Amino acid sequence: MRRFTRGRSQRTAARTTFAYEKSLIVSAALIVVCVFFLGALAEPETGRIQDQGAAWLALIVLPVAVVAVFYIEYRIQKKRSAKC
């Protein structure tokens, strides 16, 4: 008896409804880590950040890291599509 399965194109179409879901999850995690880092830099009583250099560095690195995550996933997807 032959089993009826979905074709390869249907599986990939169903899987790639949003191509960058892993990047979105990692980016959200990076934002949460950045918020916790900034919270750790802040004083408990006043909420002021004493080491402003580290805070600015975190705020500069965050968008660069998010762009890098999306670019890496783009390159991986491009490499996988070239193999097929």
PDB file of N, CA and C in Angstrom:
ATOM      1  N   MET A   1       0.818  -1.176   0.000  1.00  0.00           N
ATOM      2  CA  MET A   1       0.000   0.000   0.000  1.00  0.00           C
ATOM      3  C   MET A   1       0.874   1.257   0.000  1.00  0.00           C
ATOM      4  N   ARG A   2       0.506   2.224  -0.786  1.00  0.00           N
ATOM      5  CA  ARG A   2       1.308   3.437  -0.921  1.00  0.00           C
ATOM      6  C   ARG A   2       0.755   4.531  -0.007  1.00  0.00           C
ATOM      7  N   ARG A   3       1.641   5.163   0.720  1.00  0.00           N
ATOM      8  CA  ARG A   3       1.225   6.262   1.590  1.00  0.00           C
ATOM      9  C   ARG A   3       1.212   7.556   0.796  1.00  0.00           C
ATOM     10  N   PHE A   4       0.250   8.376   1.086  1.00  0.00           N
ATOM     11  CA  PHE A   4       0.175   9.677   0.438  1.00  0.00           C
ATOM     12  C   PHE A   4       0.818  10.707   1.349  1.00  0.00           C
ATOM     13  N   THR A   5       1.864  11.305   0.871  1.00  0.00           N
ATOM     14  CA  THR A   5       2.561  12.332   1.641  1.00  0.00           C
ATOM     15  C   THR A   5       2.566  13.619   0.843  1.00  0.00           C
ATOM     16  N   ARG A   6       2.757  14.660   1.570  1.00  0.00           N
ATOM     17  CA  ARG A   6       2.857  15.945   0.883  1.00  0.00           C
ATOM     18  C   ARG A   6       4.179  16.028   0.148  1.00  0.00           C
ATOM     19  N   GLY A   7       4.149  16.727  -0.945  1.00  0.00           N
ATOM     20  CA  GLY A   7       5.367  16.893  -1.735  1.00  0.00           C
ATOM     21  C   GLY A   7       6.354  17.802  -1.044  1.00  0.00           C
ATOM     22  N   ARG A   8       7.550  17.825  -1.566  1.00  0.00           N
ATOM     23  CA  ARG A   8       8.611  18.625  -0.962  1.00  0.00           C
ATOM     24  C   ARG A   8       8.294  20.113  -0.995  1.00  0.00           C
ATOM     25  N   SER A   9       7.710  20.569  -2.082  1.00  0.00           N
ATOM     26  CA  SER A   9       7.409  22.002  -2.192  1.00  0.00           C
ATOM     27  C   SER A   9       6.344  22.426  -1.195  1.00  0.00           C
ATOM     28  N   GLN A  10       5.402  21.569  -0.901  1.00  0.00           N
ATOM     29  CA  GLN A  10       4.377  21.906   0.081  1.00  0.00           C
ATOM     30  C   GLN A  10       4.968  21.950   1.486  1.00  0.00           C
ATOM     31  N   ARG A  11       5.886  21.043   1.784  1.00  0.00           N
ATOM     32  CA  ARG A  11       6.516  21.053   3.107  1.00  0.00           C
ATOM     33  C   ARG A  11       7.343  22.308   3.305  1.00  0.00           C
ATOM     34  N   THR A  12       8.123  22.682   2.307  1.00  0.00           N
ATOM     35  CA  THR A  12       8.945  23.874   2.460  1.00  0.00           C
ATOM     36  C   THR A  12       8.087  25.137   2.473  1.00  0.00           C
ATOM     37  N   ALA A  13       7.005  25.153   1.742  1.00  0.00           N
ATOM     38  CA  ALA A  13       6.126  26.322   1.758  1.00  0.00           C
ATOM     39  C   ALA A  13       5.459  26.462   3.120  1.00  0.00           C
ATOM     40  N   ALA A  14       5.087  25.358   3.724  1.00  0.00           N
ATOM     41  CA  ALA A  14       4.472  25.416   5.043  1.00  0.00           C
ATOM     42  C   ALA A  14       5.493  25.791   6.105  1.00  0.00           C
ATOM     43  N   ARG A  15       6.731  25.383   5.917  1.00  0.00           N
ATOM     44  CA  ARG A  15       7.773  25.655   6.891  1.00  0.00           C
ATOM     45  C   ARG A  15       8.270  27.095   6.807  1.00  0.00           C
ATOM     46  N   THR A  16       8.233  27.703   5.649  1.00  0.00           N
ATOM     47  CA  THR A  16       8.810  29.029   5.467  1.00  0.00           C
ATOM     48  C   THR A  16       7.749  30.120   5.379  1.00  0.00           C
ATOM     49  N   THR A  17       6.740  30.058   6.229  1.00  0.00           N
ATOM     50  CA  THR A  17       5.768  31.138   6.231  1.00  0.00           C
ATOM     51  C   THR A  17       6.424  32.432   6.709  1.00  0.00           C
ATOM     52  N   PHE A  18       7.269  32.337   7.714  1.00  0.00           N
ATOM     53  CA  PHE A  18       8.092  33.476   8.130  1.00  0.00           C
ATOM     54  C   PHE A  18       9.521  32.970   8.197  1.00  0.00           C
ATOM     55  N   ALA A  19      10.346  33.434   7.298  1.00  0.00           N
ATOM     56  CA  ALA A  19      11.670  32.858   7.099  1.00  0.00           C
ATOM     57  C   ALA A  19      12.642  33.164   8.238  1.00  0.00           C
ATOM     58  N   TYR A  20      12.407  34.198   8.994  1.00  0.00           N
ATOM     59  CA  TYR A  20      13.383  34.630   9.986  1.00  0.00           C
ATOM     60  C   TYR A  20      12.876  34.471  11.407  1.00  0.00           C
ATOM     61  N   GLU A  21      12.176  33.380  11.688  1.00  0.00           N
ATOM     62  CA  GLU A  21      11.634  33.202  13.034  1.00  0.00           C
ATOM     63  C   GLU A  21      12.739  32.933  14.055  1.00  0.00           C
ATOM     64  N   LYS A  22      13.792  32.236  13.687  1.00  0.00           N
ATOM     65  CA  LYS A  22      14.906  32.001  14.616  1.00  0.00           C
ATOM     66  C   LYS A  22      15.607  33.309  14.949  1.00  0.00           C
ATOM     67  N   SER A  23      15.794  34.137  13.950  1.00  0.00           N
ATOM     68  CA  SER A  23      16.431  35.431  14.184  1.00  0.00           C
ATOM     69  C   SER A  23      15.575  36.312  15.076  1.00  0.00           C
ATOM     70  N   LEU A  24      14.280  36.231  14.907  1.00  0.00           N
ATOM     71  CA  LEU A  24      13.384  37.020  15.742  1.00  0.00           C
ATOM     72  C   LEU A  24      13.477  36.583  17.196  1.00  0.00           C
ATOM     73  N   ILE A  25      13.543  35.286  17.438  1.00  0.00           N
ATOM     74  CA  ILE A  25      13.650  34.772  18.799  1.00  0.00           C
ATOM     75  C   ILE A  25      14.985  35.169  19.424  1.00  0.00           C
ATOM     76  N   VAL A  26      16.064  35.030  18.669  1.00  0.00           N
ATOM     77  CA  VAL A  26      17.387  35.395  19.185  1.00  0.00           C
ATOM     78  C   VAL A  26      17.469  36.900  19.427  1.00  0.00           C
ATOM     79  N   SER A  27      16.871  37.700  18.557  1.00  0.00           N
ATOM     80  CA  SER A  27      16.884  39.149  18.739  1.00  0.00           C
ATOM     81  C   SER A  27      16.103  39.553  19.984  1.00  0.00           C
ATOM     82  N   ALA A  28      14.979  38.909  20.215  1.00  0.00           N
ATOM     83  CA  ALA A  28      14.211  39.189  21.430  1.00  0.00           C
ATOM     84  C   ALA A  28      15.025  38.820  22.671  1.00  0.00           C
ATOM     85  N   ALA A  29      15.738  37.713  22.604  1.00  0.00           N
ATOM     86  CA  ALA A  29      16.586  37.312  23.733  1.00  0.00           C
ATOM     87  C   ALA A  29      17.718  38.315  23.950  1.00  0.00           C
ATOM     88  N   LEU A  30      18.289  38.842  22.869  1.00  0.00           N
ATOM     89  CA  LEU A  30      19.335  39.859  22.992  1.00  0.00           C
ATOM     90  C   LEU A  30      18.801  41.127  23.653  1.00  0.00           C
ATOM     91  N   ILE A  31      17.590  41.508  23.309  1.00  0.00           N
ATOM     92  CA  ILE A  31      16.988  42.701  23.914  1.00  0.00           C
ATOM     93  C   ILE A  31      16.752  42.476  25.400  1.00  0.00           C
ATOM     94  N   VAL A  32      16.267  41.295  25.764  1.00  0.00           N
ATOM     95  CA  VAL A  32      16.042  40.987  27.181  1.00  0.00           C
ATOM     96  C   VAL A  32      17.362  41.000  27.947  1.00  0.00           C
ATOM     97  N   VAL A  33      18.407  40.417  27.368  1.00  0.00           N
ATOM     98  CA  VAL A  33      19.722  40.417  28.015  1.00  0.00           C
ATOM     99  C   VAL A  33      20.233  41.846  28.180  1.00  0.00           C
ATOM    100  N   CYS A  34      20.027  42.678  27.176  1.00  0.00           N
ATOM    101  CA  CYS A  34      20.462  44.074  27.265  1.00  0.00           C
ATOM    102  C   CYS A  34      19.716  44.820  28.378  1.00  0.00           C
ATOM    103  N   VAL A  35      18.434  44.564  28.496  1.00  0.00           N
ATOM    104  CA  VAL A  35      17.649  45.204  29.564  1.00  0.00           C
ATOM    105  C   VAL A  35      18.143  44.754  30.936  1.00  0.00           C
ATOM    106  N   PHE A  36      18.416  43.458  31.088  1.00  0.00           N
ATOM    107  CA  PHE A  36      18.947  42.970  32.358  1.00  0.00           C
ATOM    108  C   PHE A  36      20.331  43.556  32.639  1.00  0.00           C
ATOM    109  N   PHE A  37      21.143  43.694  31.601  1.00  0.00           N
ATOM    110  CA  PHE A  37      22.476  44.282  31.768  1.00  0.00           C
ATOM    111  C   PHE A  37      22.367  45.733  32.218  1.00  0.00           C
ATOM    112  N   LEU A  38      21.486  46.489  31.578  1.00  0.00           N
ATOM    113  CA  LEU A  38      21.301  47.886  31.982  1.00  0.00           C
ATOM    114  C   LEU A  38      20.721  47.980  33.386  1.00  0.00           C
ATOM    115  N   GLY A  39      19.861  47.042  33.730  1.00  0.00           N
ATOM    116  CA  GLY A  39      19.318  47.008  35.093  1.00  0.00           C
ATOM    117  C   GLY A  39      20.387  46.686  36.120  1.00  0.00           C
ATOM    118  N   ALA A  40      21.331  45.839  35.749  1.00  0.00           N
ATOM    119  CA  ALA A  40      22.420  45.502  36.667  1.00  0.00           C
ATOM    120  C   ALA A  40      23.364  46.691  36.859  1.00  0.00           C
ATOM    121  N   LEU A  41      23.481  47.538  35.848  1.00  0.00           N
ATOM    122  CA  LEU A  41      24.330  48.720  35.971  1.00  0.00           C
ATOM    123  C   LEU A  41      23.689  49.811  36.826  1.00  0.00           C
ATOM    124  N   ALA A  42      22.382  49.795  36.952  1.00  0.00           N
ATOM    125  CA  ALA A  42      21.670  50.851  37.660  1.00  0.00           C
ATOM    126  C   ALA A  42      21.755  50.647  39.172  1.00  0.00           C
ATOM    127  N   GLU A  43      21.740  51.763  39.891  1.00  0.00           N
ATOM    128  CA  GLU A  43      21.704  51.706  41.352  1.00  0.00           C
ATOM    129  C   GLU A  43      20.314  51.277  41.805  1.00  0.00           C
ATOM    130  N   PRO A  44      20.226  50.475  42.834  1.00  0.00           N
ATOM    131  CA  PRO A  44      18.910  49.997  43.276  1.00  0.00           C
ATOM    132  C   PRO A  44      17.996  51.107  43.812  1.00  0.00           C
ATOM    133  N   GLU A  45      18.565  52.083  44.506  1.00  0.00           N
ATOM    134  CA  GLU A  45      17.723  53.122  45.116  1.00  0.00           C
ATOM    135  C   GLU A  45      17.249  54.163  44.116  1.00  0.00           C
ATOM    136  N   THR A  46      18.176  54.666  43.321  1.00  0.00           N
ATOM    137  CA  THR A  46      17.841  55.782  42.435  1.00  0.00           C
ATOM    138  C   THR A  46      17.528  55.353  41.012  1.00  0.00           C
ATOM    139  N   GLY A  47      18.083  54.253  40.591  1.00  0.00           N
ATOM    140  CA  GLY A  47      17.884  53.817  39.213  1.00  0.00           C
ATOM    141  C   GLY A  47      18.830  54.478  38.228  1.00  0.00           C
ATOM    142  N   ARG A  48      19.750  55.266  38.740  1.00  0.00           N
ATOM    143  CA  ARG A  48      20.731  55.926  37.873  1.00  0.00           C
ATOM    144  C   ARG A  48      21.843  54.961  37.505  1.00  0.00           C
ATOM    145  N   ILE A  49      22.320  55.104  36.287  1.00  0.00           N
ATOM    146  CA  ILE A  49      23.425  54.271  35.808  1.00  0.00           C
ATOM    147  C   ILE A  49      24.721  55.043  36.037  1.00  0.00           C
ATOM    148  N   GLN A  50      25.606  54.450  36.853  1.00  0.00           N
ATOM    149  CA  GLN A  50      26.860  55.120  37.168  1.00  0.00           C
ATOM    150  C   GLN A  50      27.872  55.013  36.032  1.00  0.00           C
ATOM    151  N   ASP A  51      28.021  53.827  35.472  1.00  0.00           N
ATOM    152  CA  ASP A  51      28.985  53.613  34.390  1.00  0.00           C
ATOM    153  C   ASP A  51      28.273  53.824  33.050  1.00  0.00           C
ATOM    154  N   GLN A  52      28.213  55.075  32.617  1.00  0.00           N
ATOM    155  CA  GLN A  52      27.482  55.382  31.399  1.00  0.00           C
ATOM    156  C   GLN A  52      28.190  54.891  30.147  1.00  0.00           C
ATOM    157  N   GLY A  53      29.477  54.685  30.216  1.00  0.00           N
ATOM    158  CA  GLY A  53      30.215  54.170  29.071  1.00  0.00           C
ATOM    159  C   GLY A  53      29.765  52.759  28.713  1.00  0.00           C
ATOM    160  N   ALA A  54      29.602  51.925  29.714  1.00  0.00           N
ATOM    161  CA  ALA A  54      29.138  50.556  29.474  1.00  0.00           C
ATOM    162  C   ALA A  54      27.703  50.544  28.963  1.00  0.00           C
ATOM    163  N   ALA A  55      26.892  51.463  29.482  1.00  0.00           N
ATOM    164  CA  ALA A  55      25.501  51.538  29.028  1.00  0.00           C
ATOM    165  C   ALA A  55      25.429  51.960  27.564  1.00  0.00           C
ATOM    166  N   TRP A  56      26.204  52.963  27.192  1.00  0.00           N
ATOM    167  CA  TRP A  56      26.211  53.401  25.792  1.00  0.00           C
ATOM    168  C   TRP A  56      26.766  52.317  24.880  1.00  0.00           C
ATOM    169  N   LEU A  57      27.778  51.604  25.362  1.00  0.00           N
ATOM    170  CA  LEU A  57      28.328  50.511  24.576  1.00  0.00           C
ATOM    171  C   LEU A  57      27.283  49.425  24.335  1.00  0.00           C
ATOM    172  N   ALA A  58      26.512  49.105  25.371  1.00  0.00           N
ATOM    173  CA  ALA A  58      25.449  48.097  25.225  1.00  0.00           C
ATOM    174  C   ALA A  58      24.394  48.569  24.232  1.00  0.00           C
ATOM    175  N   LEU A  59      24.051  49.842  24.281  1.00  0.00           N
ATOM    176  CA  LEU A  59      23.029  50.370  23.366  1.00  0.00           C
ATOM    177  C   LEU A  59      23.540  50.476  21.927  1.00  0.00           C
ATOM    178  N   ILE A  60      24.841  50.588  21.753  1.00  0.00           N
ATOM    179  CA  ILE A  60      25.413  50.609  20.405  1.00  0.00           C
ATOM    180  C   ILE A  60      25.567  49.191  19.862  1.00  0.00           C
ATOM    181  N   VAL A  61      25.981  48.263  20.719  1.00  0.00           N
ATOM    182  CA  VAL A  61      26.219  46.889  20.292  1.00  0.00           C
ATOM    183  C   VAL A  61      24.904  46.162  19.989  1.00  0.00           C
ATOM    184  N   LEU A  62      23.838  46.489  20.694  1.00  0.00           N
ATOM    185  CA  LEU A  62      22.565  45.784  20.513  1.00  0.00           C
ATOM    186  C   LEU A  62      22.058  45.831  19.068  1.00  0.00           C
ATOM    187  N   PRO A  63      21.910  46.992  18.430  1.00  0.00           N
ATOM    188  CA  PRO A  63      21.426  46.980  17.041  1.00  0.00           C
ATOM    189  C   PRO A  63      22.388  46.281  16.076  1.00  0.00           C
ATOM    190  N   VAL A  64      23.675  46.402  16.334  1.00  0.00           N
ATOM    191  CA  VAL A  64      24.658  45.724  15.482  1.00  0.00           C
ATOM    192  C   VAL A  64      24.496  44.211  15.616  1.00  0.00           C
ATOM    193  N   ALA A  65      24.292  43.735  16.833  1.00  0.00           N
ATOM    194  CA  ALA A  65      24.114  42.296  17.056  1.00  0.00           C
ATOM    195  C   ALA A  65      22.825  41.794  16.416  1.00  0.00           C
ATOM    196  N   VAL A  66      21.751  42.577  16.496  1.00  0.00           N
ATOM    197  CA  VAL A  66      20.474  42.169  15.891  1.00  0.00           C
ATOM    198  C   VAL A  66      20.620  42.074  14.368  1.00  0.00           C
ATOM    199  N   VAL A  67      21.270  43.053  13.767  1.00  0.00           N
ATOM    200  CA  VAL A  67      21.494  43.015  12.320  1.00  0.00           C
ATOM    201  C   VAL A  67      22.365  41.818  11.951  1.00  0.00           C
ATOM    202  N   ALA A  68      23.376  41.538  12.754  1.00  0.00           N
ATOM    203  CA  ALA A  68      24.260  40.404  12.481  1.00  0.00           C
ATOM    204  C   ALA A  68      23.503  39.083  12.555  1.00  0.00           C
ATOM    205  N   VAL A  69      22.597  38.958  13.506  1.00  0.00           N
ATOM    206  CA  VAL A  69      21.815  37.722  13.640  1.00  0.00           C
ATOM    207  C   VAL A  69      20.945  37.503  12.402  1.00  0.00           C
ATOM    208  N   PHE A  70      20.261  38.540  11.954  1.00  0.00           N
ATOM    209  CA  PHE A  70      19.426  38.403  10.761  1.00  0.00           C
ATOM    210  C   PHE A  70      20.282  38.126   9.520  1.00  0.00           C
ATOM    211  N   TYR A  71      21.442  38.763   9.411  1.00  0.00           N
ATOM    212  CA  TYR A  71      22.305  38.543   8.256  1.00  0.00           C
ATOM    213  C   TYR A  71      22.841  37.115   8.239  1.00  0.00           C
ATOM    214  N   ILE A  72      23.212  36.597   9.398  1.00  0.00           N
ATOM    215  CA  ILE A  72      23.715  35.219   9.461  1.00  0.00           C
ATOM    216  C   ILE A  72      22.634  34.240   9.033  1.00  0.00           C
ATOM    217  N   GLU A  73      21.404  34.442   9.499  1.00  0.00           N
ATOM    218  CA  GLU A  73      20.339  33.532   9.080  1.00  0.00           C
ATOM    219  C   GLU A  73      20.043  33.683   7.585  1.00  0.00           C
ATOM    220  N   TYR A  74      20.129  34.901   7.065  1.00  0.00           N
ATOM    221  CA  TYR A  74      19.954  35.107   5.626  1.00  0.00           C
ATOM    222  C   TYR A  74      20.997  34.331   4.838  1.00  0.00           C
ATOM    223  N   ARG A  75      22.265  34.387   5.276  1.00  0.00           N
ATOM    224  CA  ARG A  75      23.329  33.670   4.585  1.00  0.00           C
ATOM    225  C   ARG A  75      23.123  32.157   4.665  1.00  0.00           C
ATOM    226  N   ILE A  76      22.678  31.669   5.822  1.00  0.00           N
ATOM    227  CA  ILE A  76      22.433  30.228   5.971  1.00  0.00           C
ATOM    228  C   ILE A  76      21.315  29.785   5.037  1.00  0.00           C
ATOM    229  N   GLN A  77      20.238  30.574   4.970  1.00  0.00           N
ATOM    230  CA  GLN A  77      19.124  30.218   4.081  1.00  0.00           C
ATOM    231  C   GLN A  77      19.549  30.274   2.618  1.00  0.00           C
ATOM    232  N   LYS A  78      20.366  31.246   2.277  1.00  0.00           N
ATOM    233  CA  LYS A  78      20.844  31.368   0.902  1.00  0.00           C
ATOM    234  C   LYS A  78      21.731  30.174   0.534  1.00  0.00           C
ATOM    235  N   LYS A  79      22.568  29.752   1.479  1.00  0.00           N
ATOM    236  CA  LYS A  79      23.447  28.617   1.246  1.00  0.00           C
ATOM    237  C   LYS A  79      22.630  27.318   1.089  1.00  0.00           C
ATOM    238  N   ARG A  80      21.585  27.162   1.912  1.00  0.00           N
ATOM    239  CA  ARG A  80      20.744  25.981   1.820  1.00  0.00           C
ATOM    240  C   ARG A  80      19.966  25.943   0.527  1.00  0.00           C
ATOM    241  N   SER A  81      19.482  27.095   0.077  1.00  0.00           N
ATOM    242  CA  SER A  81      18.716  27.118  -1.175  1.00  0.00           C
ATOM    243  C   SER A  81      19.622  26.868  -2.382  1.00  0.00           C
ATOM    244  N   ALA A  82      20.895  27.224  -2.275  1.00  0.00           N
ATOM    245  CA  ALA A  82      21.821  26.961  -3.377  1.00  0.00           C
ATOM    246  C   ALA A  82      22.152  25.477  -3.493  1.00  0.00           C
ATOM    247  N   LYS A  83      22.086  24.740  -2.395  1.00  0.00           N
ATOM    248  CA  LYS A  83      22.378  23.311  -2.419  1.00  0.00           C
ATOM    249  C   LYS A  83      21.275  22.521  -3.111  1.00  0.00           C
ATOM    250  N   CYS A  84      20.047  22.997  -3.020  1.00  0.00           N
ATOM    251  CA  CYS A  84      18.915  22.239  -3.593  1.00  0.00           C
ATOM    252  C   CYS A  84      18.863  22.294  -5.088  1.00  0.00           C
TER     253      CYS A  84
END
